Amino acid sequence: MRGMGNMQGMMKQMQKMQKQMAEAQEELGNQRFEAVAGGGMVKVVVSGHKEVLEVEIDPSVMDPEDVEMLQDLIVIATNDAIKKAEETSNSTMGQFTKGLNLPGM
C-alpha cells in the first residue's frame, strides 16, 4: 500500500505541472515577437503561437519594377520573427521536460 501514496503524490505533481504548462503556453501566446528586414523597411510581428499579427511596409520599398525584393524582405522578417517566438517557446516549455527523458520532448 505504500506505493499508492507515491503514485498519488506523483499524480498531484503531474497535475500541477500540467497547470503550469498551460499557464506558460497562454503567456507565450500573449507575447509579441518583432523582426525587421531591409534596414527596417519591412516589420513583421508574430505571437508566441507563431501567428502573424502585423506586417508593416515602408512605402518607399514598394517598387513595381522590383516586387521580388519586397517579397524577399517579407519572408526574411517573417521567418526571423517566427524563429524568435520558437526559441522563446522552446526555452520556456523546455523547463517542464528537463530531466524527464521523454521521447519526442
Protein backbone atom coordinates (compact mmCIF):
# COMPACT_ATOMS: atom_id res chain seq x y z
CA MET A 1 0.00 0.00 0.00
CA ARG A 2 2.97 2.24 0.39
CA GLY A 3 3.29 2.61 -3.38
CA MET A 4 -0.17 4.17 -3.59
CA GLY A 5 0.97 7.23 -1.67
CA ASN A 6 3.87 7.68 -4.06
CA MET A 7 1.50 7.29 -7.00
CA GLN A 8 -0.90 9.89 -5.63
CA GLY A 9 1.96 12.28 -4.99
CA MET A 10 3.24 11.77 -8.48
CA MET A 11 -0.24 12.34 -9.95
CA LYS A 12 -0.56 15.60 -7.99
CA GLN A 13 2.83 16.71 -9.27
CA MET A 14 1.81 15.90 -12.85
CA GLN A 15 -1.44 17.86 -12.47
CA LYS A 16 0.48 20.82 -11.07
CA MET A 17 2.97 20.63 -13.94
CA GLN A 18 0.13 20.45 -16.49
CA LYS A 19 -1.43 23.58 -15.00
CA GLN A 20 1.91 25.39 -15.07
CA MET A 21 2.48 24.32 -18.69
CA ALA A 22 -0.97 25.59 -19.71
CA GLU A 23 -0.27 28.92 -17.99
CA ALA A 24 3.13 29.17 -19.68
CA GLN A 25 1.58 28.43 -23.09
CA GLU A 26 -1.06 31.09 -22.56
CA GLU A 27 1.60 33.58 -21.52
CA LEU A 28 3.65 32.71 -24.61
CA GLY A 29 0.61 33.26 -26.80
CA ASN A 30 0.26 36.77 -25.43
CA GLN A 31 3.87 37.67 -26.19
CA ARG A 32 4.76 39.51 -29.37
CA PHE A 33 7.93 38.94 -31.38
CA GLU A 34 9.07 41.54 -33.86
CA ALA A 35 11.60 41.32 -36.67
CA VAL A 36 12.64 43.75 -39.36
CA ALA A 37 14.31 43.39 -42.75
CA GLY A 38 15.77 45.81 -45.24
CA GLY A 39 17.00 48.16 -42.56
CA GLY A 40 13.54 48.50 -41.07
CA MET A 41 11.69 48.77 -44.37
CA VAL A 42 9.59 45.71 -43.50
CA LYS A 43 8.47 44.81 -39.99
CA VAL A 44 6.62 41.65 -39.01
CA VAL A 45 5.11 40.89 -35.59
CA VAL A 46 4.10 37.36 -34.60
CA SER A 47 2.53 35.93 -31.46
CA GLY A 48 4.07 33.26 -29.27
CA HIS A 49 1.77 30.84 -31.08
CA LYS A 50 3.62 31.81 -34.29
CA GLU A 51 0.68 33.63 -35.85
CA VAL A 52 1.40 36.74 -37.90
CA LEU A 53 -0.20 39.70 -36.13
CA GLU A 54 1.16 42.66 -38.09
CA VAL A 55 3.06 43.46 -41.25
CA GLU A 56 4.32 46.99 -41.81
CA ILE A 57 5.87 48.00 -45.11
CA ASP A 58 7.59 51.33 -45.72
CA PRO A 59 6.01 52.79 -48.89
CA SER A 60 9.45 53.64 -50.25
CA VAL A 61 10.21 49.93 -50.70
CA MET A 62 7.19 49.39 -52.96
CA ASP A 63 8.76 49.40 -56.39
CA PRO A 64 6.53 47.87 -59.09
CA GLU A 65 9.71 47.06 -61.01
CA ASP A 66 11.16 45.02 -58.12
CA VAL A 67 8.30 43.15 -56.43
CA GLU A 68 10.65 40.23 -55.70
CA MET A 69 12.73 42.34 -53.32
CA LEU A 70 9.65 43.24 -51.27
CA GLN A 71 8.57 39.62 -51.20
CA ASP A 72 12.04 38.57 -50.02
CA LEU A 73 12.02 41.18 -47.25
CA ILE A 74 8.62 39.97 -46.03
CA VAL A 75 9.82 36.36 -45.99
CA ILE A 76 13.02 37.27 -44.15
CA ALA A 77 11.24 39.34 -41.48
CA THR A 78 8.50 36.72 -41.02
CA ASN A 79 10.94 33.84 -40.65
CA ASP A 80 13.07 35.83 -38.20
CA ALA A 81 10.06 36.73 -36.04
CA ILE A 82 8.87 33.10 -36.03
CA LYS A 83 12.38 31.95 -35.09
CA LYS A 84 12.40 34.34 -32.12
CA ALA A 85 8.99 33.05 -30.99
CA GLU A 86 10.13 29.45 -31.39
CA GLU A 87 13.34 29.99 -29.41
CA THR A 88 11.41 31.59 -26.56
CA SER A 89 8.82 28.82 -26.67
CA ASN A 90 11.47 26.09 -26.59
CA SER A 91 13.25 27.79 -23.71
CA THR A 92 10.05 28.34 -21.72
CA MET A 93 8.45 24.96 -22.32
CA GLY A 94 11.76 23.09 -22.05
CA GLN A 95 11.87 23.81 -18.33
CA PHE A 96 8.94 21.41 -17.90
CA THR A 97 10.53 18.47 -19.69
CA LYS A 98 14.10 18.92 -18.47
CA GLY A 99 15.30 15.79 -16.72
CA LEU A 100 12.23 13.72 -17.63
CA ASN A 101 13.93 11.98 -20.60
CA LEU A 102 10.69 11.69 -22.56
CA PRO A 103 10.93 10.68 -26.21
CA GLY A 104 9.88 13.45 -28.58
CA MET A 105 10.19 16.20 -25.96
